[in-house]
Amino acid sequence: MNHITETFDKALTRYLNDVKNNSGLNQSKISMITGIGNPAISKLKSAKIKPTLAMIILLSLAMRLTPDRSEHLLHTAGFYLTDNEEHRIYRYFLYGCAFNADFNIQNCDKVLAEKKFTKLSV
């Protein structure tokens, strides 16, 4: 499969399937963890809605994607993290979430709030 030309919806579906097969974490559980409704995740998978940056960060953290997979998901949706402070926080958590359970949505939101940025979760 050529991941360079892969679309966001295809990449998300592939990653959701991998997570379900490898850890048993299904779409409903990911919906509960992220606060992104199950219907919205289904619409993302079928390309009926476009993801926001926050949605991608939430999904990546919930699925505990590797740094490469997080970057791939961001790029397929046309997002690139810059070197501003908020994006550095996102990158820090995205790069650690596959390897350490402390790199999660709650802790990311805590750091974002401490720095006066908008939290990811609602």
PDB file of N, CA and C in Angstrom:
ATOM      1  N   MET A   1       0.847  -1.186   0.000  1.00  0.00           N
ATOM      2  CA  MET A   1       0.000   0.000   0.000  1.00  0.00           C
ATOM      3  C   MET A   1       0.885   1.240   0.000  1.00  0.00           C
ATOM      4  N   ASN A   2       0.514   2.181  -0.813  1.00  0.00           N
ATOM      5  CA  ASN A   2       1.270   3.431  -0.898  1.00  0.00           C
ATOM      6  C   ASN A   2       0.691   4.418   0.112  1.00  0.00           C
ATOM      7  N   HIS A   3       1.382   4.566   1.249  1.00  0.00           N
ATOM      8  CA  HIS A   3       0.882   5.432   2.312  1.00  0.00           C
ATOM      9  C   HIS A   3       1.015   6.908   1.979  1.00  0.00           C
ATOM     10  N   ILE A   4       1.834   7.241   0.996  1.00  0.00           N
ATOM     11  CA  ILE A   4       2.011   8.639   0.633  1.00  0.00           C
ATOM     12  C   ILE A   4       0.721   9.211   0.056  1.00  0.00           C
ATOM     13  N   THR A   5       0.010   8.415  -0.726  1.00  0.00           N
ATOM     14  CA  THR A   5      -1.217   8.890  -1.350  1.00  0.00           C
ATOM     15  C   THR A   5      -2.471   8.455  -0.592  1.00  0.00           C
ATOM     16  N   GLU A   6      -2.301   7.831   0.547  1.00  0.00           N
ATOM     17  CA  GLU A   6      -3.432   7.376   1.338  1.00  0.00           C
ATOM     18  C   GLU A   6      -4.227   8.579   1.859  1.00  0.00           C
ATOM     19  N   THR A   7      -5.526   8.479   1.830  1.00  0.00           N
ATOM     20  CA  THR A   7      -6.381   9.547   2.330  1.00  0.00           C
ATOM     21  C   THR A   7      -6.587   9.397   3.830  1.00  0.00           C
ATOM     22  N   PHE A   8      -7.027  10.484   4.471  1.00  0.00           N
ATOM     23  CA  PHE A   8      -7.243  10.455   5.914  1.00  0.00           C
ATOM     24  C   PHE A   8      -8.222   9.357   6.298  1.00  0.00           C
ATOM     25  N   ASP A   9      -9.347   9.273   5.594  1.00  0.00           N
ATOM     26  CA  ASP A   9     -10.363   8.288   5.960  1.00  0.00           C
ATOM     27  C   ASP A   9      -9.824   6.865   5.896  1.00  0.00           C
ATOM     28  N   LYS A  10      -9.018   6.568   4.891  1.00  0.00           N
ATOM     29  CA  LYS A  10      -8.436   5.222   4.758  1.00  0.00           C
ATOM     30  C   LYS A  10      -7.409   4.962   5.861  1.00  0.00           C
ATOM     31  N   ALA A  11      -6.582   5.962   6.157  1.00  0.00           N
ATOM     32  CA  ALA A  11      -5.583   5.799   7.217  1.00  0.00           C
ATOM     33  C   ALA A  11      -6.263   5.611   8.567  1.00  0.00           C
ATOM     34  N   LEU A  12      -7.274   6.419   8.859  1.00  0.00           N
ATOM     35  CA  LEU A  12      -7.978   6.295  10.133  1.00  0.00           C
ATOM     36  C   LEU A  12      -8.624   4.921  10.256  1.00  0.00           C
ATOM     37  N   THR A  13      -9.283   4.471   9.201  1.00  0.00           N
ATOM     38  CA  THR A  13      -9.920   3.151   9.233  1.00  0.00           C
ATOM     39  C   THR A  13      -8.892   2.057   9.472  1.00  0.00           C
ATOM     40  N   ARG A  14      -7.759   2.151   8.804  1.00  0.00           N
ATOM     41  CA  ARG A  14      -6.692   1.160   8.976  1.00  0.00           C
ATOM     42  C   ARG A  14      -6.168   1.159  10.406  1.00  0.00           C
ATOM     43  N   TYR A  15      -5.930   2.347  10.952  1.00  0.00           N
ATOM     44  CA  TYR A  15      -5.409   2.425  12.322  1.00  0.00           C
ATOM     45  C   TYR A  15      -6.429   1.945  13.340  1.00  0.00           C
ATOM     46  N   LEU A  16      -7.693   2.287  13.143  1.00  0.00           N
ATOM     47  CA  LEU A  16      -8.742   1.798  14.048  1.00  0.00           C
ATOM     48  C   LEU A  16      -8.806   0.276  14.015  1.00  0.00           C
ATOM     49  N   ASN A  17      -8.716  -0.314  12.834  1.00  0.00           N
ATOM     50  CA  ASN A  17      -8.729  -1.773  12.713  1.00  0.00           C
ATOM     51  C   ASN A  17      -7.519  -2.391  13.389  1.00  0.00           C
ATOM     52  N   ASP A  18      -6.346  -1.797  13.195  1.00  0.00           N
ATOM     53  CA  ASP A  18      -5.128  -2.307  13.836  1.00  0.00           C
ATOM     54  C   ASP A  18      -5.252  -2.274  15.355  1.00  0.00           C
ATOM     55  N   VAL A  19      -5.756  -1.154  15.879  1.00  0.00           N
ATOM     56  CA  VAL A  19      -5.898  -1.018  17.336  1.00  0.00           C
ATOM     57  C   VAL A  19      -6.894  -2.045  17.868  1.00  0.00           C
ATOM     58  N   LYS A  20      -7.989  -2.213  17.156  1.00  0.00           N
ATOM     59  CA  LYS A  20      -8.989  -3.192  17.587  1.00  0.00           C
ATOM     60  C   LYS A  20      -8.400  -4.599  17.587  1.00  0.00           C
ATOM     61  N   ASN A  21      -7.671  -4.947  16.538  1.00  0.00           N
ATOM     62  CA  ASN A  21      -7.080  -6.287  16.441  1.00  0.00           C
ATOM     63  C   ASN A  21      -5.963  -6.511  17.447  1.00  0.00           C
ATOM     64  N   ASN A  22      -5.179  -5.475  17.739  1.00  0.00           N
ATOM     65  CA  ASN A  22      -4.018  -5.632  18.613  1.00  0.00           C
ATOM     66  C   ASN A  22      -4.317  -5.433  20.091  1.00  0.00           C
ATOM     67  N   SER A  23      -5.274  -4.562  20.407  1.00  0.00           N
ATOM     68  CA  SER A  23      -5.523  -4.289  21.828  1.00  0.00           C
ATOM     69  C   SER A  23      -6.985  -4.438  22.232  1.00  0.00           C
ATOM     70  N   GLY A  24      -7.857  -4.714  21.270  1.00  0.00           N
ATOM     71  CA  GLY A  24      -9.275  -4.880  21.584  1.00  0.00           C
ATOM     72  C   GLY A  24     -10.008  -3.569  21.797  1.00  0.00           C
ATOM     73  N   LEU A  25      -9.342  -2.459  21.557  1.00  0.00           N
ATOM     74  CA  LEU A  25      -9.956  -1.139  21.739  1.00  0.00           C
ATOM     75  C   LEU A  25     -10.792  -0.830  20.499  1.00  0.00           C
ATOM     76  N   ASN A  26     -12.119  -0.863  20.651  1.00  0.00           N
ATOM     77  CA  ASN A  26     -12.980  -0.656  19.492  1.00  0.00           C
ATOM     78  C   ASN A  26     -13.393   0.806  19.352  1.00  0.00           C
ATOM     79  N   GLN A  27     -14.108   1.085  18.280  1.00  0.00           N
ATOM     80  CA  GLN A  27     -14.503   2.462  17.965  1.00  0.00           C
ATOM     81  C   GLN A  27     -15.357   3.074  19.069  1.00  0.00           C
ATOM     82  N   SER A  28     -16.246   2.295  19.664  1.00  0.00           N
ATOM     83  CA  SER A  28     -17.094   2.826  20.744  1.00  0.00           C
ATOM     84  C   SER A  28     -16.261   3.257  21.946  1.00  0.00           C
ATOM     85  N   LYS A  29     -15.260   2.457  22.297  1.00  0.00           N
ATOM     86  CA  LYS A  29     -14.385   2.817  23.420  1.00  0.00           C
ATOM     87  C   LYS A  29     -13.557   4.048  23.081  1.00  0.00           C
ATOM     88  N   ILE A  30     -13.082   4.127  21.850  1.00  0.00           N
ATOM     89  CA  ILE A  30     -12.314   5.301  21.432  1.00  0.00           C
ATOM     90  C   ILE A  30     -13.201   6.542  21.470  1.00  0.00           C
ATOM     91  N   SER A  31     -14.451   6.377  21.090  1.00  0.00           N
ATOM     92  CA  SER A  31     -15.413   7.481  21.164  1.00  0.00           C
ATOM     93  C   SER A  31     -15.570   7.959  22.606  1.00  0.00           C
ATOM     94  N   MET A  32     -15.697   7.022  23.526  1.00  0.00           N
ATOM     95  CA  MET A  32     -15.836   7.385  24.942  1.00  0.00           C
ATOM     96  C   MET A  32     -14.578   8.073  25.464  1.00  0.00           C
ATOM     97  N   ILE A  33     -13.408   7.587  25.092  1.00  0.00           N
ATOM     98  CA  ILE A  33     -12.142   8.156  25.555  1.00  0.00           C
ATOM     99  C   ILE A  33     -11.949   9.572  25.022  1.00  0.00           C
ATOM    100  N   THR A  34     -12.270   9.783  23.757  1.00  0.00           N
ATOM    101  CA  THR A  34     -12.001  11.070  23.108  1.00  0.00           C
ATOM    102  C   THR A  34     -13.111  12.095  23.277  1.00  0.00           C
ATOM    103  N   GLY A  35     -14.334  11.622  23.504  1.00  0.00           N
ATOM    104  CA  GLY A  35     -15.476  12.532  23.526  1.00  0.00           C
ATOM    105  C   GLY A  35     -15.975  12.855  22.120  1.00  0.00           C
ATOM    106  N   ILE A  36     -15.383  12.235  21.118  1.00  0.00           N
ATOM    107  CA  ILE A  36     -15.843  12.382  19.743  1.00  0.00           C
ATOM    108  C   ILE A  36     -16.939  11.336  19.545  1.00  0.00           C
ATOM    109  N   GLY A  37     -18.127  11.767  19.225  1.00  0.00           N
ATOM    110  CA  GLY A  37     -19.241  10.839  19.095  1.00  0.00           C
ATOM    111  C   GLY A  37     -18.975   9.729  18.094  1.00  0.00           C
ATOM    112  N   ASN A  38     -19.530   8.563  18.379  1.00  0.00           N
ATOM    113  CA  ASN A  38     -19.390   7.433  17.475  1.00  0.00           C
ATOM    114  C   ASN A  38     -19.863   7.770  16.060  1.00  0.00           C
ATOM    115  N   PRO A  39     -20.995   8.493  15.903  1.00  0.00           N
ATOM    116  CA  PRO A  39     -21.409   8.877  14.550  1.00  0.00           C
ATOM    117  C   PRO A  39     -20.370   9.769  13.849  1.00  0.00           C
ATOM    118  N   ALA A  40     -19.718  10.650  14.596  1.00  0.00           N
ATOM    119  CA  ALA A  40     -18.695  11.521  13.996  1.00  0.00           C
ATOM    120  C   ALA A  40     -17.495  10.706  13.538  1.00  0.00           C
ATOM    121  N   ILE A  41     -17.087   9.716  14.329  1.00  0.00           N
ATOM    122  CA  ILE A  41     -15.963   8.867  13.914  1.00  0.00           C
ATOM    123  C   ILE A  41     -16.341   8.102  12.650  1.00  0.00           C
ATOM    124  N   SER A  42     -17.570   7.605  12.585  1.00  0.00           N
ATOM    125  CA  SER A  42     -18.028   6.909  11.375  1.00  0.00           C
ATOM    126  C   SER A  42     -18.006   7.842  10.173  1.00  0.00           C
ATOM    127  N   LYS A  43     -18.393   9.100  10.379  1.00  0.00           N
ATOM    128  CA  LYS A  43     -18.365  10.073   9.281  1.00  0.00           C
ATOM    129  C   LYS A  43     -16.937  10.404   8.862  1.00  0.00           C
ATOM    130  N   LEU A  44     -16.008  10.419   9.808  1.00  0.00           N
ATOM    131  CA  LEU A  44     -14.601  10.618   9.468  1.00  0.00           C
ATOM    132  C   LEU A  44     -14.090   9.454   8.626  1.00  0.00           C
ATOM    133  N   LYS A  45     -14.485   8.233   9.012  1.00  0.00           N
ATOM    134  CA  LYS A  45     -14.049   7.035   8.292  1.00  0.00           C
ATOM    135  C   LYS A  45     -14.613   6.964   6.879  1.00  0.00           C
ATOM    136  N   SER A  46     -15.751   7.581   6.661  1.00  0.00           N
ATOM    137  CA  SER A  46     -16.367   7.540   5.326  1.00  0.00           C
ATOM    138  C   SER A  46     -16.164   8.852   4.565  1.00  0.00           C
ATOM    139  N   ALA A  47     -15.318   9.727   5.087  1.00  0.00           N
ATOM    140  CA  ALA A  47     -14.976  11.009   4.457  1.00  0.00           C
ATOM    141  C   ALA A  47     -16.190  11.921   4.282  1.00  0.00           C
ATOM    142  N   LYS A  48     -17.173  11.788   5.173  1.00  0.00           N
ATOM    143  CA  LYS A  48     -18.345  12.659   5.104  1.00  0.00           C
ATOM    144  C   LYS A  48     -18.125  13.972   5.846  1.00  0.00           C
ATOM    145  N   ILE A  49     -17.162  13.974   6.766  1.00  0.00           N
ATOM    146  CA  ILE A  49     -16.752  15.211   7.437  1.00  0.00           C
ATOM    147  C   ILE A  49     -15.228  15.254   7.456  1.00  0.00           C
ATOM    148  N   LYS A  50     -14.700  16.470   7.557  1.00  0.00           N
ATOM    149  CA  LYS A  50     -13.246  16.648   7.637  1.00  0.00           C
ATOM    150  C   LYS A  50     -12.850  16.756   9.110  1.00  0.00           C
ATOM    151  N   PRO A  51     -11.716  16.190   9.451  1.00  0.00           N
ATOM    152  CA  PRO A  51     -11.271  16.256  10.836  1.00  0.00           C
ATOM    153  C   PRO A  51     -10.692  17.630  11.179  1.00  0.00           C
ATOM    154  N   THR A  52     -10.783  17.977  12.437  1.00  0.00           N
ATOM    155  CA  THR A  52     -10.072  19.142  12.949  1.00  0.00           C
ATOM    156  C   THR A  52      -8.730  18.657  13.496  1.00  0.00           C
ATOM    157  N   LEU A  53      -7.837  19.585  13.725  1.00  0.00           N
ATOM    158  CA  LEU A  53      -6.562  19.221  14.335  1.00  0.00           C
ATOM    159  C   LEU A  53      -6.791  18.559  15.687  1.00  0.00           C
ATOM    160  N   ALA A  54      -7.687  19.124  16.486  1.00  0.00           N
ATOM    161  CA  ALA A  54      -7.962  18.560  17.816  1.00  0.00           C
ATOM    162  C   ALA A  54      -8.479  17.128  17.712  1.00  0.00           C
ATOM    163  N   MET A  55      -9.339  16.862  16.747  1.00  0.00           N
ATOM    164  CA  MET A  55      -9.859  15.497  16.571  1.00  0.00           C
ATOM    165  C   MET A  55      -8.726  14.516  16.296  1.00  0.00           C
ATOM    166  N   ILE A  56      -7.813  14.917  15.447  1.00  0.00           N
ATOM    167  CA  ILE A  56      -6.713  14.022  15.091  1.00  0.00           C
ATOM    168  C   ILE A  56      -5.813  13.774  16.291  1.00  0.00           C
ATOM    169  N   ILE A  57      -5.532  14.811  17.051  1.00  0.00           N
ATOM    170  CA  ILE A  57      -4.698  14.649  18.255  1.00  0.00           C
ATOM    171  C   ILE A  57      -5.410  13.711  19.235  1.00  0.00           C
ATOM    172  N   LEU A  58      -6.710  13.947  19.470  1.00  0.00           N
ATOM    173  CA  LEU A  58      -7.474  13.093  20.385  1.00  0.00           C
ATOM    174  C   LEU A  58      -7.460  11.637  19.931  1.00  0.00           C
ATOM    175  N   LEU A  59      -7.736  11.405  18.667  1.00  0.00           N
ATOM    176  CA  LEU A  59      -7.760  10.034  18.152  1.00  0.00           C
ATOM    177  C   LEU A  59      -6.391   9.375  18.247  1.00  0.00           C
ATOM    178  N   SER A  60      -5.354  10.110  17.912  1.00  0.00           N
ATOM    179  CA  SER A  60      -3.995   9.563  17.981  1.00  0.00           C
ATOM    180  C   SER A  60      -3.627   9.184  19.406  1.00  0.00           C
ATOM    181  N   LEU A  61      -3.956  10.053  20.359  1.00  0.00           N
ATOM    182  CA  LEU A  61      -3.652   9.765  21.761  1.00  0.00           C
ATOM    183  C   LEU A  61      -4.472   8.578  22.261  1.00  0.00           C
ATOM    184  N   ALA A  62      -5.750   8.531  21.912  1.00  0.00           N
ATOM    185  CA  ALA A  62      -6.609   7.439  22.371  1.00  0.00           C
ATOM    186  C   ALA A  62      -6.158   6.095  21.809  1.00  0.00           C
ATOM    187  N   MET A  63      -5.722   6.096  20.552  1.00  0.00           N
ATOM    188  CA  MET A  63      -5.267   4.849  19.928  1.00  0.00           C
ATOM    189  C   MET A  63      -3.821   4.522  20.282  1.00  0.00           C
ATOM    190  N   ARG A  64      -3.139   5.473  20.943  1.00  0.00           N
ATOM    191  CA  ARG A  64      -1.739   5.318  21.325  1.00  0.00           C
ATOM    192  C   ARG A  64      -0.883   4.980  20.114  1.00  0.00           C
ATOM    193  N   LEU A  65      -1.049   5.808  19.062  1.00  0.00           N
ATOM    194  CA  LEU A  65      -0.312   5.606  17.827  1.00  0.00           C
ATOM    195  C   LEU A  65       1.166   5.906  18.011  1.00  0.00           C
ATOM    196  N   THR A  66       1.973   5.258  17.206  1.00  0.00           N
ATOM    197  CA  THR A  66       3.405   5.565  17.195  1.00  0.00           C
ATOM    198  C   THR A  66       3.586   6.963  16.609  1.00  0.00           C
ATOM    199  N   PRO A  67       4.738   7.582  16.840  1.00  0.00           N
ATOM    200  CA  PRO A  67       4.978   8.908  16.266  1.00  0.00           C
ATOM    201  C   PRO A  67       4.793   8.939  14.750  1.00  0.00           C
ATOM    202  N   ASP A  68       5.282   7.932  14.055  1.00  0.00           N
ATOM    203  CA  ASP A  68       5.134   7.890  12.594  1.00  0.00           C
ATOM    204  C   ASP A  68       3.670   7.850  12.182  1.00  0.00           C
ATOM    205  N   ARG A  69       2.885   7.053  12.868  1.00  0.00           N
ATOM    206  CA  ARG A  69       1.462   6.950  12.531  1.00  0.00           C
ATOM    207  C   ARG A  69       0.718   8.242  12.865  1.00  0.00           C
ATOM    208  N   SER A  70       1.068   8.867  13.969  1.00  0.00           N
ATOM    209  CA  SER A  70       0.433  10.148  14.315  1.00  0.00           C
ATOM    210  C   SER A  70       0.728  11.187  13.244  1.00  0.00           C
ATOM    211  N   GLU A  71       1.987  11.280  12.845  1.00  0.00           N
ATOM    212  CA  GLU A  71       2.372  12.229  11.801  1.00  0.00           C
ATOM    213  C   GLU A  71       1.662  11.912  10.491  1.00  0.00           C
ATOM    214  N   HIS A  72       1.586  10.639  10.156  1.00  0.00           N
ATOM    215  CA  HIS A  72       0.919  10.233   8.922  1.00  0.00           C
ATOM    216  C   HIS A  72      -0.555  10.656   8.939  1.00  0.00           C
ATOM    217  N   LEU A  73      -1.230  10.410  10.051  1.00  0.00           N
ATOM    218  CA  LEU A  73      -2.635  10.785  10.158  1.00  0.00           C
ATOM    219  C   LEU A  73      -2.809  12.294  10.025  1.00  0.00           C
ATOM    220  N   LEU A  74      -1.946  13.046  10.676  1.00  0.00           N
ATOM    221  CA  LEU A  74      -1.983  14.510  10.552  1.00  0.00           C
ATOM    222  C   LEU A  74      -1.786  14.944   9.096  1.00  0.00           C
ATOM    223  N   HIS A  75      -0.779  14.387   8.460  1.00  0.00           N
ATOM    224  CA  HIS A  75      -0.434  14.812   7.098  1.00  0.00           C
ATOM    225  C   HIS A  75      -1.506  14.441   6.081  1.00  0.00           C
ATOM    226  N   THR A  76      -2.152  13.265   6.264  1.00  0.00           N
ATOM    227  CA  THR A  76      -3.203  12.883   5.314  1.00  0.00           C
ATOM    228  C   THR A  76      -4.383  13.848   5.380  1.00  0.00           C
ATOM    229  N   ALA A  77      -4.529  14.541   6.496  1.00  0.00           N
ATOM    230  CA  ALA A  77      -5.606  15.527   6.646  1.00  0.00           C
ATOM    231  C   ALA A  77      -5.128  16.938   6.325  1.00  0.00           C
ATOM    232  N   GLY A  78      -3.851  17.070   5.970  1.00  0.00           N
ATOM    233  CA  GLY A  78      -3.314  18.370   5.595  1.00  0.00           C
ATOM    234  C   GLY A  78      -2.810  19.207   6.753  1.00  0.00           C
ATOM    235  N   PHE A  79      -2.562  18.582   7.902  1.00  0.00           N
ATOM    236  CA  PHE A  79      -2.061  19.307   9.072  1.00  0.00           C
ATOM    237  C   PHE A  79      -0.580  19.021   9.282  1.00  0.00           C
ATOM    238  N   TYR A  80       0.148  20.061   9.659  1.00  0.00           N
ATOM    239  CA  TYR A  80       1.562  19.944   9.986  1.00  0.00           C
ATOM    240  C   TYR A  80       1.801  20.741  11.259  1.00  0.00           C
ATOM    241  N   LEU A  81       2.413  20.104  12.233  1.00  0.00           N
ATOM    242  CA  LEU A  81       2.691  20.797  13.482  1.00  0.00           C
ATOM    243  C   LEU A  81       3.877  21.736  13.286  1.00  0.00           C
ATOM    244  N   THR A  82       3.733  22.936  13.821  1.00  0.00           N
ATOM    245  CA  THR A  82       4.792  23.937  13.723  1.00  0.00           C
ATOM    246  C   THR A  82       5.624  23.908  14.998  1.00  0.00           C
ATOM    247  N   ASP A  83       6.442  24.915  15.176  1.00  0.00           N
ATOM    248  CA  ASP A  83       7.285  24.974  16.371  1.00  0.00           C
ATOM    249  C   ASP A  83       6.713  25.921  17.422  1.00  0.00           C
ATOM    250  N   ASN A  84       5.425  26.290  17.291  1.00  0.00           N
ATOM    251  CA  ASN A  84       4.867  27.140  18.346  1.00  0.00           C
ATOM    252  C   ASN A  84       4.623  26.297  19.599  1.00  0.00           C
ATOM    253  N   GLU A  85       4.441  26.952  20.720  1.00  0.00           N
ATOM    254  CA  GLU A  85       4.378  26.254  22.004  1.00  0.00           C
ATOM    255  C   GLU A  85       3.232  25.246  22.072  1.00  0.00           C
ATOM    256  N   GLU A  86       2.075  25.608  21.583  1.00  0.00           N
ATOM    257  CA  GLU A  86       0.932  24.693  21.618  1.00  0.00           C
ATOM    258  C   GLU A  86       1.229  23.428  20.795  1.00  0.00           C
ATOM    259  N   HIS A  87       1.787  23.597  19.627  1.00  0.00           N
ATOM    260  CA  HIS A  87       2.107  22.444  18.787  1.00  0.00           C
ATOM    261  C   HIS A  87       3.238  21.609  19.387  1.00  0.00           C
ATOM    262  N   ARG A  88       4.146  22.233  20.102  1.00  0.00           N
ATOM    263  CA  ARG A  88       5.205  21.467  20.789  1.00  0.00           C
ATOM    264  C   ARG A  88       4.600  20.571  21.860  1.00  0.00           C
ATOM    265  N   ILE A  89       3.564  21.057  22.538  1.00  0.00           N
ATOM    266  CA  ILE A  89       2.873  20.233  23.544  1.00  0.00           C
ATOM    267  C   ILE A  89       2.209  19.043  22.852  1.00  0.00           C
ATOM    268  N   TYR A  90       1.503  19.307  21.767  1.00  0.00           N
ATOM    269  CA  TYR A  90       0.878  18.211  21.012  1.00  0.00           C
ATOM    270  C   TYR A  90       1.928  17.174  20.619  1.00  0.00           C
ATOM    271  N   ARG A  91       3.024  17.647  20.042  1.00  0.00           N
ATOM    272  CA  ARG A  91       4.077  16.743  19.567  1.00  0.00           C
ATOM    273  C   ARG A  91       4.648  15.916  20.721  1.00  0.00           C
ATOM    274  N   TYR A  92       4.878  16.554  21.856  1.00  0.00           N
ATOM    275  CA  TYR A  92       5.415  15.857  23.027  1.00  0.00           C
ATOM    276  C   TYR A  92       4.519  14.674  23.408  1.00  0.00           C
ATOM    277  N   PHE A  93       3.213  14.915  23.461  1.00  0.00           N
ATOM    278  CA  PHE A  93       2.291  13.846  23.838  1.00  0.00           C
ATOM    279  C   PHE A  93       2.122  12.820  22.722  1.00  0.00           C
ATOM    280  N   LEU A  94       2.074  13.262  21.475  1.00  0.00           N
ATOM    281  CA  LEU A  94       1.949  12.322  20.360  1.00  0.00           C
ATOM    282  C   LEU A  94       3.164  11.407  20.268  1.00  0.00           C
ATOM    283  N   TYR A  95       4.327  11.936  20.532  1.00  0.00           N
ATOM    284  CA  TYR A  95       5.536  11.134  20.415  1.00  0.00           C
ATOM    285  C   TYR A  95       5.718  10.189  21.599  1.00  0.00           C
ATOM    286  N   GLY A  96       5.018  10.423  22.698  1.00  0.00           N
ATOM    287  CA  GLY A  96       5.170   9.555  23.858  1.00  0.00           C
ATOM    288  C   GLY A  96       4.034   8.588  24.094  1.00  0.00           C
ATOM    289  N   CYS A  97       2.871   8.827  23.474  1.00  0.00           N
ATOM    290  CA  CYS A  97       1.669   8.067  23.835  1.00  0.00           C
ATOM    291  C   CYS A  97       1.757   6.581  23.514  1.00  0.00           C
ATOM    292  N   ALA A  98       2.524   6.190  22.525  1.00  0.00           N
ATOM    293  CA  ALA A  98       2.639   4.773  22.185  1.00  0.00           C
ATOM    294  C   ALA A  98       3.497   4.011  23.182  1.00  0.00           C
ATOM    295  N   PHE A  99       4.271   4.742  23.968  1.00  0.00           N
ATOM    296  CA  PHE A  99       5.266   4.107  24.816  1.00  0.00           C
ATOM    297  C   PHE A  99       5.019   4.262  26.314  1.00  0.00           C
ATOM    298  N   ASN A 100       4.131   5.190  26.692  1.00  0.00           N
ATOM    299  CA  ASN A 100       3.917   5.468  28.112  1.00  0.00           C
ATOM    300  C   ASN A 100       2.478   5.934  28.317  1.00  0.00           C
ATOM    301  N   ALA A 101       1.754   5.249  29.191  1.00  0.00           N
ATOM    302  CA  ALA A 101       0.343   5.551  29.427  1.00  0.00           C
ATOM    303  C   ALA A 101       0.120   6.942  30.008  1.00  0.00           C
ATOM    304  N   ASP A 102       1.157   7.581  30.556  1.00  0.00           N
ATOM    305  CA  ASP A 102       1.008   8.935  31.101  1.00  0.00           C
ATOM    306  C   ASP A 102       0.860   9.990  30.008  1.00  0.00           C
ATOM    307  N   PHE A 103       1.186   9.622  28.784  1.00  0.00           N
ATOM    308  CA  PHE A 103       1.041  10.535  27.649  1.00  0.00           C
ATOM    309  C   PHE A 103      -0.370  10.351  27.086  1.00  0.00           C
ATOM    310  N   ASN A 104      -1.347  10.850  27.841  1.00  0.00           N
ATOM    311  CA  ASN A 104      -2.748  10.632  27.500  1.00  0.00           C
ATOM    312  C   ASN A 104      -3.490  11.959  27.363  1.00  0.00           C
ATOM    313  N   ILE A 105      -4.752  11.863  27.008  1.00  0.00           N
ATOM    314  CA  ILE A 105      -5.560  13.055  26.769  1.00  0.00           C
ATOM    315  C   ILE A 105      -5.671  13.919  28.022  1.00  0.00           C
ATOM    316  N   GLN A 106      -5.921  13.303  29.160  1.00  0.00           N
ATOM    317  CA  GLN A 106      -6.088  14.071  30.398  1.00  0.00           C
ATOM    318  C   GLN A 106      -4.833  14.853  30.754  1.00  0.00           C
ATOM    319  N   ASN A 107      -3.692  14.214  30.655  1.00  0.00           N
ATOM    320  CA  ASN A 107      -2.442  14.906  30.992  1.00  0.00           C
ATOM    321  C   ASN A 107      -2.095  15.968  29.954  1.00  0.00           C
ATOM    322  N   CYS A 108      -2.400  15.709  28.699  1.00  0.00           N
ATOM    323  CA  CYS A 108      -2.180  16.714  27.661  1.00  0.00           C
ATOM    324  C   CYS A 108      -3.068  17.930  27.942  1.00  0.00           C
ATOM    325  N   ASP A 109      -4.344  17.684  28.257  1.00  0.00           N
ATOM    326  CA  ASP A 109      -5.256  18.785  28.577  1.00  0.00           C
ATOM    327  C   ASP A 109      -4.772  19.587  29.783  1.00  0.00           C
ATOM    328  N   LYS A 110      -4.209  18.899  30.762  1.00  0.00           N
ATOM    329  CA  LYS A 110      -3.692  19.576  31.960  1.00  0.00           C
ATOM    330  C   LYS A 110      -2.564  20.541  31.590  1.00  0.00           C
ATOM    331  N   VAL A 111      -1.637  20.075  30.766  1.00  0.00           N
ATOM    332  CA  VAL A 111      -0.516  20.924  30.339  1.00  0.00           C
ATOM    333  C   VAL A 111      -1.028  22.078  29.475  1.00  0.00           C
ATOM    334  N   LEU A 112      -1.944  21.784  28.564  1.00  0.00           N
ATOM    335  CA  LEU A 112      -2.507  22.848  27.721  1.00  0.00           C
ATOM    336  C   LEU A 112      -3.174  23.920  28.586  1.00  0.00           C
ATOM    337  N   ALA A 113      -3.956  23.512  29.577  1.00  0.00           N
ATOM    338  CA  ALA A 113      -4.649  24.464  30.455  1.00  0.00           C
ATOM    339  C   ALA A 113      -3.648  25.286  31.267  1.00  0.00           C
ATOM    340  N   GLU A 114      -2.597  24.636  31.770  1.00  0.00           N
ATOM    341  CA  GLU A 114      -1.564  25.344  32.533  1.00  0.00           C
ATOM    342  C   GLU A 114      -0.913  26.448  31.687  1.00  0.00           C
ATOM    343  N   LYS A 115      -0.793  26.189  30.393  1.00  0.00           N
ATOM    344  CA  LYS A 115      -0.166  27.151  29.482  1.00  0.00           C
ATOM    345  C   LYS A 115      -1.193  28.091  28.842  1.00  0.00           C
ATOM    346  N   LYS A 116      -2.438  28.004  29.324  1.00  0.00           N
ATOM    347  CA  LYS A 116      -3.533  28.889  28.848  1.00  0.00           C
ATOM    348  C   LYS A 116      -3.964  28.598  27.405  1.00  0.00           C
ATOM    349  N   PHE A 117      -3.785  27.337  26.960  1.00  0.00           N
ATOM    350  CA  PHE A 117      -4.283  26.926  25.649  1.00  0.00           C
ATOM    351  C   PHE A 117      -5.600  26.191  25.839  1.00  0.00           C
ATOM    352  N   THR A 118      -6.368  26.115  24.784  1.00  0.00           N
ATOM    353  CA  THR A 118      -7.639  25.403  24.822  1.00  0.00           C
ATOM    354  C   THR A 118      -7.384  23.904  24.964  1.00  0.00           C
ATOM    355  N   LYS A 119      -8.113  23.285  25.893  1.00  0.00           N
ATOM    356  CA  LYS A 119      -7.988  21.845  26.076  1.00  0.00           C
ATOM    357  C   LYS A 119      -8.550  21.131  24.851  1.00  0.00           C
ATOM    358  N   LEU A 120      -8.069  19.929  24.620  1.00  0.00           N
ATOM    359  CA  LEU A 120      -8.535  19.128  23.499  1.00  0.00           C
ATOM    360  C   LEU A 120      -9.935  18.585  23.735  1.00  0.00           C
ATOM    361  N   SER A 121     -10.165  18.076  24.930  1.00  0.00           N
ATOM    362  CA  SER A 121     -11.451  17.444  25.219  1.00  0.00           C
ATOM    363  C   SER A 121     -12.494  18.491  25.609  1.00  0.00           C
ATOM    364  N   VAL A 122     -13.729  18.098  25.414  1.00  0.00           N
ATOM    365  CA  VAL A 122     -14.834  19.018  25.721  1.00  0.00           C
ATOM    366  C   VAL A 122     -15.484  18.668  27.027  1.00  0.00           C
TER     367      VAL A 122
END
